[in-house]
Every structure is written in structure tokens, then in C-alpha cells.
């Protein structure tokens, strides 16, 4: 899985897109930079992907179940809500999701 240095697709609403194909064309491609957010678990996208909603902005972010397992190992979800933490986008095959940012990725 590529780490960090790739462009990330967002739809017209500003949500991170899970995948890109001819029926789902990105409105904008952005650099993959860490972002700070408090997220609330909001449901399923596919059997291997869930979605979180940013509590402050209302934007949606997909997350692979493997990344959810890693999140649970290092943090708590209180009523499905994370602490405010730094996140990065990860790409697996043709799909995108978020993960916790690693310490060397967090700004200053």
C-alpha cells in the first residue's frame, strides 16, 4: 500500500471518495496531508469499509476495517466518536480510506 505521497480524490461535497471509476469521477484531487478531526462512526460502505463523519465539518471519510482494528488498539471510541486526532489517507489497490497518522507525519 502506498504511503503518503499520492493525490487523493474528493467529491463535490468535499468528502473523501472510496474509489474512482467512470461512474465516480472526482471533483478535485488534493495532496495527501495529515488533517486533524474528531470523527463519529456513521455506518457501512461495503463489507470491508465503514464511514466516519467529521463532527465539526460534516464531511465523510471511508475507513478500511483493518484500519479500524488499529484505531481500537491505540485509542477509544466513546459512543462511536474518536478523540480529535491526526489522520492520513491510505490507498489499498484502487480504494481510498483513512488511518491514524503516524508520529513522523504529524505537523510540528
Protein backbone atom coordinates (compact mmCIF):
# COMPACT_ATOMS: atom_id res chain seq x y z
CA UNK A 1 0.00 0.00 0.00
CA UNK A 2 1.44 3.39 -0.94
CA UNK A 3 2.26 5.62 1.99
CA UNK A 4 1.70 9.32 1.91
CA UNK A 5 2.92 10.67 -1.39
CA UNK A 6 -0.08 10.47 -3.73
CA UNK A 7 -3.10 12.58 -4.72
CA UNK A 8 -6.43 11.93 -3.04
CA UNK A 9 -9.92 12.15 -4.67
CA UNK A 10 -12.72 14.27 -3.20
CA UNK A 11 -16.30 14.67 -4.42
CA UNK A 12 -18.20 17.94 -4.89
CA UNK A 13 -19.35 17.94 -1.26
CA UNK A 14 -15.73 17.69 -0.07
CA UNK A 15 -15.98 14.07 1.11
CA UNK A 16 -13.11 11.64 0.52
CA UNK A 17 -14.11 9.22 -2.23
CA UNK A 18 -13.72 5.49 -1.52
CA UNK A 19 -12.81 4.75 -5.14
CA UNK A 20 -12.59 6.33 -8.57
CA UNK A 21 -14.05 4.87 -11.76
CA UNK A 22 -16.02 6.09 -14.74
CA UNK A 23 -19.22 6.45 -12.68
CA UNK A 24 -17.47 8.16 -9.79
CA UNK A 25 -15.25 10.94 -11.08
CA UNK A 26 -13.51 13.16 -8.51
CA UNK A 27 -14.37 16.82 -8.35
CA UNK A 28 -10.89 17.57 -7.00
CA UNK A 29 -7.57 15.79 -6.37
CA UNK A 30 -5.67 17.03 -3.31
CA UNK A 31 -2.27 16.30 -1.80
CA UNK A 32 -2.33 13.65 0.92
CA UNK A 33 -1.55 15.69 4.01
CA UNK A 34 -2.41 14.99 7.67
CA UNK A 35 -5.65 16.51 8.90
CA UNK A 36 -6.98 17.00 12.41
CA UNK A 37 -10.51 15.75 13.05
CA UNK A 38 -12.87 14.31 15.64
CA UNK A 39 -14.80 11.57 13.85
CA UNK A 40 -18.06 9.73 14.51
CA UNK A 41 -18.76 6.24 13.18
CA UNK A 42 -21.59 6.66 10.67
CA UNK A 43 -22.19 3.25 9.06
CA UNK A 44 -21.05 0.84 6.37
CA UNK A 45 -19.96 1.50 2.80
CA UNK A 46 -19.06 -2.09 1.86
CA UNK A 47 -18.29 -5.35 3.68
CA UNK A 48 -14.71 -4.22 4.31
CA UNK A 49 -15.22 -0.45 4.67
CA UNK A 50 -17.01 1.77 7.17
CA UNK A 51 -17.54 5.51 7.10
CA UNK A 52 -16.83 8.20 9.63
CA UNK A 53 -18.32 11.69 9.73
CA UNK A 54 -16.26 14.67 10.89
CA UNK A 55 -18.11 16.04 13.92
CA UNK A 56 -17.11 19.64 13.13
CA UNK A 57 -17.35 19.82 9.31
CA UNK A 58 -19.87 17.11 8.45
CA UNK A 59 -17.50 15.63 5.84
CA UNK A 60 -17.37 11.86 5.33
CA UNK A 61 -14.32 9.61 5.25
CA UNK A 62 -14.17 5.88 4.46
CA UNK A 63 -12.04 3.60 6.63
CA UNK A 64 -10.98 0.02 5.95
CA UNK A 65 -11.83 -2.43 8.74
CA UNK A 66 -8.12 -3.23 9.09
CA UNK A 67 -7.52 0.42 9.99
CA UNK A 68 -10.41 0.35 12.47
CA UNK A 69 -8.72 -2.55 14.26
CA UNK A 70 -5.52 -0.49 14.51
CA UNK A 71 -7.51 2.51 15.80
CA UNK A 72 -9.14 0.40 18.51
CA UNK A 73 -5.71 -0.89 19.62
CA UNK A 74 -4.40 2.62 20.38
CA UNK A 75 -7.47 4.72 21.20
CA UNK A 76 -11.04 4.66 22.43
CA UNK A 77 -14.33 5.17 20.66
CA UNK A 78 -16.80 6.69 23.10
CA UNK A 79 -20.28 6.20 21.65
CA UNK A 80 -18.63 5.76 18.25
CA UNK A 81 -16.69 9.04 18.46
CA UNK A 82 -12.90 9.37 18.33
CA UNK A 83 -10.76 11.90 20.10
CA UNK A 84 -9.56 14.77 17.92
CA UNK A 85 -6.56 13.18 16.19
CA UNK A 86 -4.47 13.48 13.05
CA UNK A 87 -5.48 11.30 10.10
CA UNK A 88 -3.96 10.38 6.74
CA UNK A 89 -5.40 8.79 3.64
CA UNK A 90 -4.23 5.31 2.71
CA UNK A 91 -4.68 3.65 -0.67
CA UNK A 92 -5.26 -0.09 -0.99
CA UNK A 93 -5.45 -1.30 -4.58
CA UNK A 94 -7.90 1.15 -6.18
CA UNK A 95 -9.65 2.19 -2.96
CA UNK A 96 -9.03 5.03 -0.51
CA UNK A 97 -9.65 5.27 3.23
CA UNK A 98 -8.26 6.96 6.30
CA UNK A 99 -5.95 5.79 9.04
CA UNK A 100 -4.34 7.35 12.07
CA UNK A 101 -1.36 9.48 11.11
CA UNK A 102 1.99 8.17 12.29
CA UNK A 103 4.10 10.34 14.59
CA UNK A 104 6.54 11.30 11.81
CA UNK A 105 3.61 12.55 9.67
CA UNK A 106 2.08 14.87 12.27
CA UNK A 107 2.96 18.54 11.79
CA UNK A 108 5.27 20.21 14.19
